[in-house]
Amino acid sequence: MAVILGIDPGSRFTGYGVINHHGAKFQYLGSGCIKLGEHDFPTRLKMIYQGVSQLIEQFSPTSFAIEQVFMAHNPDSALKLGQARGAAIVAATMQNVAVSEYSARQVKQAVVGTGAAQKSQVQEMVKRILKLPGTPQADAADALAIAICHAHSEQSLIRLAGSATKTVRRRLR
């Protein structure tokens, strides 16, 4: 079983989602947002670091998955998003949790089946995959989707490794 912490970084709200994954089965463990308020930017980065650190202590994830920076129309926004990501990644690495990064397109493809999915489609599929009673808030749903994407990615790597092992065994015969 793998506990995966997914993070959707933001400079105002940082979404988080935690799932347990084993084979094709998913179990919802928790989700929400780290609300950063109107503090100055360095204080918000500190809050992201502390919030992610607390989540790691609470859930003891084996993996940490985070969304990559996309180039926004506003370079200042992209820089702030990158700094928010950095604060979250440092929190994970300081606690020796393996970090993986996925583009928004990869996450949407893994969860909805198309890289051009709308936020509402991601929310609906996360609700269905995790069998949630209600639709999660957008930032939390994105974080859960990132965790699901990572789980799918790990499964694919395991299958590929198994195929490679079988191929090597066949060649040795």
N, C-alpha and C. Protein backbone atom coordinates (compact mmCIF):
# COMPACT_ATOMS: atom_id res chain seq x y z
N MET A 1 0.84 -1.18 0.00
CA MET A 1 0.00 0.00 0.00
C MET A 1 0.89 1.24 0.00
N ALA A 2 0.44 2.25 -0.71
CA ALA A 2 1.18 3.49 -0.81
C ALA A 2 0.29 4.66 -0.40
N VAL A 3 0.76 5.46 0.52
CA VAL A 3 0.06 6.68 0.89
C VAL A 3 0.70 7.81 0.08
N ILE A 4 -0.12 8.51 -0.68
CA ILE A 4 0.35 9.56 -1.57
C ILE A 4 -0.25 10.89 -1.15
N LEU A 5 0.61 11.89 -0.98
CA LEU A 5 0.19 13.25 -0.69
C LEU A 5 0.31 14.06 -1.98
N GLY A 6 -0.81 14.54 -2.48
CA GLY A 6 -0.82 15.39 -3.66
C GLY A 6 -0.96 16.84 -3.25
N ILE A 7 -0.23 17.71 -3.93
CA ILE A 7 -0.26 19.14 -3.61
C ILE A 7 -0.54 19.94 -4.88
N ASP A 8 -1.52 20.84 -4.78
CA ASP A 8 -1.82 21.81 -5.84
C ASP A 8 -1.39 23.16 -5.29
N PRO A 9 -0.17 23.59 -5.63
CA PRO A 9 0.37 24.79 -5.01
C PRO A 9 -0.30 26.07 -5.49
N GLY A 10 -0.37 27.02 -4.61
CA GLY A 10 -0.92 28.33 -4.95
C GLY A 10 -0.42 29.34 -3.94
N SER A 11 -0.42 30.62 -4.31
CA SER A 11 0.07 31.64 -3.40
C SER A 11 -1.03 32.17 -2.46
N ARG A 12 -2.27 31.81 -2.72
CA ARG A 12 -3.40 32.18 -1.84
C ARG A 12 -3.99 30.96 -1.14
N PHE A 13 -4.14 29.86 -1.91
CA PHE A 13 -4.65 28.59 -1.40
C PHE A 13 -3.76 27.49 -1.95
N THR A 14 -3.31 26.61 -1.10
CA THR A 14 -2.57 25.43 -1.54
C THR A 14 -3.43 24.23 -1.21
N GLY A 15 -3.88 23.55 -2.26
CA GLY A 15 -4.73 22.38 -2.07
C GLY A 15 -3.90 21.16 -1.72
N TYR A 16 -4.48 20.28 -0.91
CA TYR A 16 -3.82 19.01 -0.61
C TYR A 16 -4.83 17.88 -0.68
N GLY A 17 -4.34 16.71 -1.03
CA GLY A 17 -5.17 15.52 -1.08
C GLY A 17 -4.32 14.32 -0.72
N VAL A 18 -4.86 13.44 0.10
CA VAL A 18 -4.12 12.26 0.54
C VAL A 18 -4.95 11.02 0.23
N ILE A 19 -4.30 10.09 -0.46
CA ILE A 19 -4.97 8.84 -0.79
C ILE A 19 -4.08 7.66 -0.41
N ASN A 20 -4.73 6.54 -0.23
CA ASN A 20 -4.04 5.27 -0.05
C ASN A 20 -4.27 4.51 -1.34
N HIS A 21 -3.23 3.93 -1.88
CA HIS A 21 -3.35 3.26 -3.18
C HIS A 21 -2.72 1.87 -3.10
N HIS A 22 -3.48 0.89 -3.55
CA HIS A 22 -2.96 -0.49 -3.62
C HIS A 22 -3.56 -1.15 -4.85
N GLY A 23 -2.72 -1.45 -5.82
CA GLY A 23 -3.21 -2.03 -7.07
C GLY A 23 -4.15 -1.06 -7.76
N ALA A 24 -5.34 -1.52 -8.05
CA ALA A 24 -6.33 -0.67 -8.71
C ALA A 24 -7.28 0.00 -7.70
N LYS A 25 -7.01 -0.18 -6.43
CA LYS A 25 -7.91 0.34 -5.39
C LYS A 25 -7.37 1.64 -4.81
N PHE A 26 -8.30 2.58 -4.63
CA PHE A 26 -7.98 3.87 -4.04
C PHE A 26 -8.82 4.05 -2.78
N GLN A 27 -8.20 4.64 -1.77
CA GLN A 27 -8.92 4.97 -0.54
C GLN A 27 -8.63 6.44 -0.22
N TYR A 28 -9.67 7.20 -0.04
CA TYR A 28 -9.56 8.61 0.34
C TYR A 28 -9.16 8.70 1.80
N LEU A 29 -8.12 9.48 2.09
CA LEU A 29 -7.70 9.68 3.48
C LEU A 29 -7.96 11.09 3.98
N GLY A 30 -7.93 12.07 3.09
CA GLY A 30 -8.18 13.45 3.50
C GLY A 30 -7.85 14.44 2.41
N SER A 31 -8.41 15.63 2.53
CA SER A 31 -8.12 16.70 1.57
C SER A 31 -8.56 18.02 2.16
N GLY A 32 -8.12 19.09 1.52
CA GLY A 32 -8.49 20.42 1.96
C GLY A 32 -7.57 21.46 1.37
N CYS A 33 -7.53 22.60 2.00
CA CYS A 33 -6.69 23.70 1.54
C CYS A 33 -5.93 24.31 2.70
N ILE A 34 -4.72 24.69 2.42
CA ILE A 34 -3.96 25.52 3.34
C ILE A 34 -4.28 26.94 2.92
N LYS A 35 -5.05 27.65 3.75
CA LYS A 35 -5.48 29.02 3.43
C LYS A 35 -4.40 29.98 3.89
N LEU A 36 -3.93 30.79 2.96
CA LEU A 36 -2.77 31.64 3.23
C LEU A 36 -3.12 33.08 3.54
N GLY A 37 -4.34 33.47 3.29
CA GLY A 37 -4.82 34.79 3.66
C GLY A 37 -4.10 35.94 3.00
N GLU A 38 -4.12 37.07 3.66
CA GLU A 38 -3.57 38.31 3.13
C GLU A 38 -2.20 38.65 3.71
N HIS A 39 -1.50 37.67 4.21
CA HIS A 39 -0.17 37.90 4.78
C HIS A 39 0.81 38.32 3.68
N ASP A 40 1.95 38.85 4.10
CA ASP A 40 2.98 39.15 3.10
C ASP A 40 3.49 37.83 2.50
N PHE A 41 4.11 37.92 1.34
CA PHE A 41 4.45 36.71 0.59
C PHE A 41 5.43 35.79 1.34
N PRO A 42 6.48 36.31 1.97
CA PRO A 42 7.36 35.41 2.73
C PRO A 42 6.63 34.64 3.83
N THR A 43 5.67 35.28 4.47
CA THR A 43 4.89 34.60 5.51
C THR A 43 4.03 33.50 4.90
N ARG A 44 3.47 33.75 3.73
CA ARG A 44 2.67 32.72 3.05
C ARG A 44 3.54 31.50 2.69
N LEU A 45 4.77 31.75 2.24
CA LEU A 45 5.68 30.64 1.92
C LEU A 45 5.97 29.82 3.17
N LYS A 46 6.18 30.51 4.28
CA LYS A 46 6.40 29.83 5.56
C LYS A 46 5.18 28.99 5.94
N MET A 47 3.99 29.52 5.72
CA MET A 47 2.75 28.80 6.04
C MET A 47 2.61 27.55 5.16
N ILE A 48 3.00 27.65 3.90
CA ILE A 48 2.96 26.47 3.02
C ILE A 48 3.91 25.40 3.56
N TYR A 49 5.14 25.82 3.87
CA TYR A 49 6.14 24.88 4.39
C TYR A 49 5.62 24.20 5.66
N GLN A 50 5.11 25.01 6.61
CA GLN A 50 4.63 24.45 7.87
C GLN A 50 3.41 23.55 7.66
N GLY A 51 2.49 23.99 6.80
CA GLY A 51 1.28 23.21 6.55
C GLY A 51 1.59 21.87 5.91
N VAL A 52 2.47 21.86 4.91
CA VAL A 52 2.85 20.60 4.26
C VAL A 52 3.61 19.71 5.24
N SER A 53 4.47 20.31 6.06
CA SER A 53 5.20 19.53 7.07
C SER A 53 4.24 18.85 8.03
N GLN A 54 3.20 19.57 8.46
CA GLN A 54 2.20 18.98 9.37
C GLN A 54 1.44 17.85 8.69
N LEU A 55 1.10 18.02 7.40
CA LEU A 55 0.41 16.96 6.67
C LEU A 55 1.27 15.70 6.57
N ILE A 56 2.56 15.89 6.35
CA ILE A 56 3.48 14.75 6.26
C ILE A 56 3.56 14.04 7.61
N GLU A 57 3.63 14.80 8.67
CA GLU A 57 3.66 14.20 10.01
C GLU A 57 2.36 13.45 10.30
N GLN A 58 1.23 14.03 9.90
CA GLN A 58 -0.07 13.42 10.16
C GLN A 58 -0.32 12.15 9.37
N PHE A 59 0.01 12.16 8.06
CA PHE A 59 -0.36 11.04 7.19
C PHE A 59 0.80 10.10 6.85
N SER A 60 2.02 10.48 7.12
CA SER A 60 3.21 9.67 6.80
C SER A 60 3.19 9.13 5.37
N PRO A 61 3.11 10.01 4.38
CA PRO A 61 3.05 9.53 3.00
C PRO A 61 4.36 8.87 2.57
N THR A 62 4.23 7.91 1.66
CA THR A 62 5.41 7.28 1.06
C THR A 62 5.83 8.04 -0.19
N SER A 63 4.90 8.80 -0.76
CA SER A 63 5.17 9.58 -1.97
C SER A 63 4.52 10.96 -1.86
N PHE A 64 5.12 11.90 -2.56
CA PHE A 64 4.65 13.28 -2.59
C PHE A 64 4.59 13.67 -4.06
N ALA A 65 3.43 14.10 -4.52
CA ALA A 65 3.26 14.49 -5.93
C ALA A 65 2.77 15.93 -5.98
N ILE A 66 3.34 16.70 -6.90
CA ILE A 66 3.03 18.12 -6.99
C ILE A 66 2.91 18.51 -8.46
N GLU A 67 2.08 19.52 -8.71
CA GLU A 67 1.90 20.00 -10.07
C GLU A 67 3.08 20.88 -10.47
N GLN A 68 3.53 20.71 -11.71
CA GLN A 68 4.60 21.54 -12.26
C GLN A 68 4.07 22.94 -12.53
N VAL A 69 4.99 23.87 -12.63
CA VAL A 69 4.63 25.25 -12.98
C VAL A 69 4.25 25.30 -14.45
N PHE A 70 3.16 25.95 -14.75
CA PHE A 70 2.79 26.21 -16.14
C PHE A 70 3.06 27.69 -16.39
N MET A 71 3.35 28.03 -17.61
CA MET A 71 3.64 29.44 -17.91
C MET A 71 2.33 30.20 -18.04
N ALA A 72 2.06 31.00 -17.07
CA ALA A 72 0.84 31.80 -17.06
C ALA A 72 1.03 33.04 -17.93
N HIS A 73 -0.04 33.78 -18.14
CA HIS A 73 0.04 35.03 -18.89
C HIS A 73 0.85 36.06 -18.13
N ASN A 74 0.84 35.95 -16.82
CA ASN A 74 1.51 36.91 -15.97
C ASN A 74 2.78 36.28 -15.39
N PRO A 75 3.97 36.74 -15.80
CA PRO A 75 5.21 36.16 -15.29
C PRO A 75 5.34 36.25 -13.77
N ASP A 76 4.82 37.30 -13.16
CA ASP A 76 4.87 37.44 -11.70
C ASP A 76 4.10 36.32 -11.02
N SER A 77 2.96 35.96 -11.58
CA SER A 77 2.16 34.85 -11.03
C SER A 77 2.92 33.54 -11.14
N ALA A 78 3.57 33.32 -12.27
CA ALA A 78 4.35 32.08 -12.46
C ALA A 78 5.49 32.01 -11.46
N LEU A 79 6.16 33.13 -11.20
CA LEU A 79 7.25 33.15 -10.22
C LEU A 79 6.74 32.84 -8.82
N LYS A 80 5.62 33.43 -8.44
CA LYS A 80 5.05 33.17 -7.11
C LYS A 80 4.63 31.71 -6.99
N LEU A 81 4.05 31.16 -8.04
CA LEU A 81 3.65 29.75 -8.02
C LEU A 81 4.88 28.87 -7.87
N GLY A 82 5.96 29.21 -8.56
CA GLY A 82 7.20 28.44 -8.44
C GLY A 82 7.75 28.49 -7.03
N GLN A 83 7.65 29.64 -6.39
CA GLN A 83 8.13 29.76 -5.02
C GLN A 83 7.25 28.95 -4.06
N ALA A 84 5.95 28.96 -4.30
CA ALA A 84 5.03 28.17 -3.46
C ALA A 84 5.35 26.67 -3.62
N ARG A 85 5.60 26.24 -4.85
CA ARG A 85 6.00 24.85 -5.10
C ARG A 85 7.27 24.53 -4.34
N GLY A 86 8.23 25.46 -4.41
CA GLY A 86 9.50 25.24 -3.73
C GLY A 86 9.35 25.04 -2.24
N ALA A 87 8.51 25.84 -1.62
CA ALA A 87 8.28 25.70 -0.17
C ALA A 87 7.69 24.33 0.15
N ALA A 88 6.76 23.86 -0.67
CA ALA A 88 6.14 22.55 -0.45
C ALA A 88 7.15 21.42 -0.69
N ILE A 89 7.94 21.54 -1.75
CA ILE A 89 8.93 20.51 -2.06
C ILE A 89 9.99 20.42 -0.97
N VAL A 90 10.44 21.55 -0.47
CA VAL A 90 11.43 21.54 0.62
C VAL A 90 10.85 20.84 1.85
N ALA A 91 9.58 21.08 2.15
CA ALA A 91 8.95 20.41 3.30
C ALA A 91 9.00 18.89 3.12
N ALA A 92 8.74 18.42 1.91
CA ALA A 92 8.77 16.97 1.65
C ALA A 92 10.19 16.42 1.73
N THR A 93 11.12 17.10 1.08
CA THR A 93 12.49 16.58 1.06
C THR A 93 13.14 16.63 2.45
N MET A 94 12.76 17.61 3.26
CA MET A 94 13.30 17.68 4.62
C MET A 94 12.86 16.48 5.46
N GLN A 95 11.75 15.85 5.08
CA GLN A 95 11.26 14.68 5.80
C GLN A 95 11.49 13.40 4.99
N ASN A 96 12.38 13.49 4.00
CA ASN A 96 12.80 12.33 3.18
C ASN A 96 11.65 11.63 2.47
N VAL A 97 10.71 12.40 1.98
CA VAL A 97 9.61 11.84 1.19
C VAL A 97 9.93 12.07 -0.28
N ALA A 98 9.84 11.00 -1.07
CA ALA A 98 10.15 11.07 -2.50
C ALA A 98 9.18 12.03 -3.20
N VAL A 99 9.71 12.90 -4.05
CA VAL A 99 8.92 13.92 -4.74
C VAL A 99 8.82 13.59 -6.23
N SER A 100 7.60 13.68 -6.77
CA SER A 100 7.35 13.52 -8.20
C SER A 100 6.55 14.72 -8.67
N GLU A 101 6.79 15.12 -9.93
CA GLU A 101 6.13 16.29 -10.49
C GLU A 101 5.38 15.91 -11.76
N TYR A 102 4.20 16.51 -11.94
CA TYR A 102 3.36 16.22 -13.10
C TYR A 102 2.80 17.52 -13.66
N SER A 103 2.70 17.58 -14.98
CA SER A 103 2.09 18.75 -15.61
C SER A 103 0.57 18.67 -15.44
N ALA A 104 -0.08 19.81 -15.54
CA ALA A 104 -1.55 19.85 -15.45
C ALA A 104 -2.16 18.94 -16.52
N ARG A 105 -1.57 18.92 -17.70
CA ARG A 105 -2.07 18.09 -18.80
C ARG A 105 -1.97 16.60 -18.45
N GLN A 106 -0.85 16.19 -17.85
CA GLN A 106 -0.69 14.79 -17.43
C GLN A 106 -1.73 14.40 -16.39
N VAL A 107 -1.98 15.30 -15.45
CA VAL A 107 -2.94 15.01 -14.38
C VAL A 107 -4.34 14.84 -14.97
N LYS A 108 -4.75 15.77 -15.82
CA LYS A 108 -6.07 15.70 -16.45
C LYS A 108 -6.20 14.45 -17.30
N GLN A 109 -5.16 14.10 -18.03
CA GLN A 109 -5.18 12.90 -18.87
C GLN A 109 -5.36 11.65 -18.01
N ALA A 110 -4.64 11.59 -16.90
CA ALA A 110 -4.70 10.41 -16.02
C ALA A 110 -6.05 10.25 -15.34
N VAL A 111 -6.69 11.37 -15.01
CA VAL A 111 -7.93 11.31 -14.23
C VAL A 111 -9.18 11.34 -15.11
N VAL A 112 -9.17 12.19 -16.12
CA VAL A 112 -10.37 12.38 -16.96
C VAL A 112 -10.26 11.64 -18.29
N GLY A 113 -9.03 11.49 -18.79
CA GLY A 113 -8.84 10.84 -20.08
C GLY A 113 -8.51 11.81 -21.19
N THR A 114 -8.53 13.10 -20.88
CA THR A 114 -8.14 14.12 -21.85
C THR A 114 -7.36 15.21 -21.13
N GLY A 115 -6.27 15.65 -21.74
CA GLY A 115 -5.45 16.69 -21.15
C GLY A 115 -6.08 18.07 -21.18
N ALA A 116 -7.22 18.19 -21.90
CA ALA A 116 -7.89 19.50 -22.00
C ALA A 116 -9.15 19.56 -21.15
N ALA A 117 -9.25 18.71 -20.13
CA ALA A 117 -10.45 18.64 -19.29
C ALA A 117 -10.66 19.95 -18.51
N GLN A 118 -11.91 20.23 -18.22
CA GLN A 118 -12.28 21.39 -17.41
C GLN A 118 -12.17 21.03 -15.93
N LYS A 119 -12.05 22.07 -15.07
CA LYS A 119 -11.97 21.84 -13.63
C LYS A 119 -13.15 21.02 -13.10
N SER A 120 -14.33 21.32 -13.60
CA SER A 120 -15.53 20.60 -13.13
C SER A 120 -15.46 19.11 -13.49
N GLN A 121 -14.85 18.79 -14.64
CA GLN A 121 -14.69 17.39 -15.03
C GLN A 121 -13.71 16.68 -14.10
N VAL A 122 -12.64 17.36 -13.75
CA VAL A 122 -11.66 16.80 -12.82
C VAL A 122 -12.32 16.53 -11.47
N GLN A 123 -13.08 17.51 -10.98
CA GLN A 123 -13.78 17.34 -9.70
C GLN A 123 -14.71 16.14 -9.74
N GLU A 124 -15.47 16.00 -10.80
CA GLU A 124 -16.43 14.90 -10.92
C GLU A 124 -15.72 13.55 -10.97
N MET A 125 -14.64 13.45 -11.72
CA MET A 125 -13.93 12.17 -11.81
C MET A 125 -13.23 11.82 -10.51
N VAL A 126 -12.69 12.80 -9.81
CA VAL A 126 -12.08 12.54 -8.50
C VAL A 126 -13.15 12.01 -7.55
N LYS A 127 -14.31 12.63 -7.58
CA LYS A 127 -15.44 12.18 -6.74
C LYS A 127 -15.77 10.71 -7.05
N ARG A 128 -15.83 10.37 -8.32
CA ARG A 128 -16.18 8.99 -8.72
C ARG A 128 -15.08 7.99 -8.38
N ILE A 129 -13.83 8.33 -8.72
CA ILE A 129 -12.72 7.41 -8.49
C ILE A 129 -12.58 7.10 -7.00
N LEU A 130 -12.72 8.12 -6.17
CA LEU A 130 -12.54 7.94 -4.72
C LEU A 130 -13.85 7.62 -3.99
N LYS A 131 -14.94 7.55 -4.75
CA LYS A 131 -16.27 7.24 -4.18
C LYS A 131 -16.63 8.19 -3.04
N LEU A 132 -16.46 9.49 -3.31
CA LEU A 132 -16.76 10.51 -2.30
C LEU A 132 -18.24 10.84 -2.30
N PRO A 133 -18.82 11.18 -1.17
CA PRO A 133 -20.24 11.50 -1.11
C PRO A 133 -20.58 12.84 -1.75
N GLY A 134 -19.61 13.75 -1.84
CA GLY A 134 -19.84 15.06 -2.42
C GLY A 134 -18.66 15.48 -3.28
N THR A 135 -18.85 16.56 -3.99
CA THR A 135 -17.79 17.08 -4.86
C THR A 135 -16.79 17.86 -4.03
N PRO A 136 -15.50 17.50 -4.12
CA PRO A 136 -14.51 18.25 -3.34
C PRO A 136 -14.30 19.66 -3.90
N GLN A 137 -13.87 20.56 -3.04
CA GLN A 137 -13.54 21.93 -3.43
C GLN A 137 -12.47 21.86 -4.52
N ALA A 138 -12.42 22.83 -5.42
CA ALA A 138 -11.58 22.78 -6.63
C ALA A 138 -10.10 22.55 -6.32
N ASP A 139 -9.50 23.28 -5.39
CA ASP A 139 -8.07 23.11 -5.10
C ASP A 139 -7.79 21.74 -4.48
N ALA A 140 -8.67 21.28 -3.62
CA ALA A 140 -8.52 19.95 -3.02
C ALA A 140 -8.70 18.87 -4.08
N ALA A 141 -9.67 19.04 -4.98
CA ALA A 141 -9.89 18.07 -6.06
C ALA A 141 -8.66 18.00 -6.96
N ASP A 142 -8.05 19.14 -7.26
CA ASP A 142 -6.84 19.14 -8.08
C ASP A 142 -5.71 18.39 -7.38
N ALA A 143 -5.57 18.59 -6.08
CA ALA A 143 -4.53 17.89 -5.33
C ALA A 143 -4.79 16.39 -5.29
N LEU A 144 -6.04 15.99 -5.11
CA LEU A 144 -6.39 14.57 -5.15
C LEU A 144 -6.11 13.98 -6.54
N ALA A 145 -6.41 14.76 -7.58
CA ALA A 145 -6.15 14.32 -8.95
C ALA A 145 -4.65 14.12 -9.17
N ILE A 146 -3.83 15.00 -8.61
CA ILE A 146 -2.37 14.85 -8.72
C ILE A 146 -1.92 13.55 -8.04
N ALA A 147 -2.49 13.26 -6.88
CA ALA A 147 -2.15 12.01 -6.18
C ALA A 147 -2.60 10.80 -7.00
N ILE A 148 -3.77 10.86 -7.60
CA ILE A 148 -4.27 9.76 -8.44
C ILE A 148 -3.37 9.58 -9.65
N CYS A 149 -2.97 10.69 -10.27
CA CYS A 149 -2.05 10.65 -11.41
C CYS A 149 -0.76 9.94 -11.01
N HIS A 150 -0.23 10.27 -9.85
CA HIS A 150 1.01 9.63 -9.39
C HIS A 150 0.79 8.13 -9.19
N ALA A 151 -0.33 7.76 -8.62
CA ALA A 151 -0.63 6.34 -8.41
C ALA A 151 -0.66 5.60 -9.75
N HIS A 152 -1.32 6.19 -10.75
CA HIS A 152 -1.36 5.58 -12.08
C HIS A 152 0.05 5.47 -12.67
N SER A 153 0.84 6.50 -12.48
CA SER A 153 2.21 6.51 -12.99
C SER A 153 3.04 5.40 -12.34
N GLU A 154 2.92 5.24 -11.04
CA GLU A 154 3.63 4.17 -10.33
C GLU A 154 3.20 2.80 -10.84
N GLN A 155 1.89 2.63 -11.03
CA GLN A 155 1.37 1.35 -11.54
C GLN A 155 1.95 1.03 -12.92
N SER A 156 2.02 2.06 -13.78
CA SER A 156 2.57 1.87 -15.12
C SER A 156 4.03 1.45 -15.04
N LEU A 157 4.80 2.07 -14.15
CA LEU A 157 6.21 1.71 -14.01
C LEU A 157 6.37 0.29 -13.50
N ILE A 158 5.49 -0.12 -12.57
CA ILE A 158 5.55 -1.49 -12.05
C ILE A 158 5.24 -2.48 -13.17
N ARG A 159 4.22 -2.17 -13.98
CA ARG A 159 3.88 -3.06 -15.10
C ARG A 159 5.04 -3.14 -16.10
N LEU A 160 5.64 -1.99 -16.40
CA LEU A 160 6.78 -1.98 -17.32
C LEU A 160 7.95 -2.78 -16.77
N ALA A 161 8.21 -2.64 -15.49
CA ALA A 161 9.30 -3.39 -14.87
C ALA A 161 9.01 -4.89 -14.94
N GLY A 162 7.76 -5.27 -14.71
CA GLY A 162 7.37 -6.67 -14.81
C GLY A 162 7.54 -7.20 -16.22
N SER A 163 7.17 -6.42 -17.22
CA SER A 163 7.32 -6.81 -18.62
C SER A 163 8.79 -6.96 -18.98
N ALA A 164 9.61 -6.04 -18.50
CA ALA A 164 11.04 -6.10 -18.80
C ALA A 164 11.66 -7.34 -18.18
N THR A 165 11.24 -7.69 -16.96
CA THR A 165 11.75 -8.88 -16.30
C THR A 165 11.37 -10.13 -17.07
N LYS A 166 10.14 -10.20 -17.55
CA LYS A 166 9.69 -11.35 -18.34
C LYS A 166 10.48 -11.46 -19.63
N THR A 167 10.75 -10.32 -20.27
CA THR A 167 11.52 -10.33 -21.51
C THR A 167 12.93 -10.83 -21.26
N VAL A 168 13.56 -10.40 -20.18
CA VAL A 168 14.91 -10.84 -19.86
C VAL A 168 14.91 -12.33 -19.58
N ARG A 169 13.92 -12.82 -18.84
CA ARG A 169 13.83 -14.25 -18.55
C ARG A 169 13.70 -15.06 -19.83
N ARG A 170 12.87 -14.59 -20.77
CA ARG A 170 12.69 -15.29 -22.04
C ARG A 170 14.00 -15.35 -22.82
N ARG A 171 14.76 -14.27 -22.80
CA ARG A 171 16.02 -14.22 -23.54
C ARG A 171 17.05 -15.17 -22.93
N LEU A 172 16.99 -15.34 -21.60
CA LEU A 172 17.95 -16.20 -20.92
C LEU A 172 17.70 -17.68 -21.19
N ARG A 173 16.52 -18.03 -21.59
CA ARG A 173 16.18 -19.45 -21.81
C ARG A 173 16.79 -19.96 -23.06
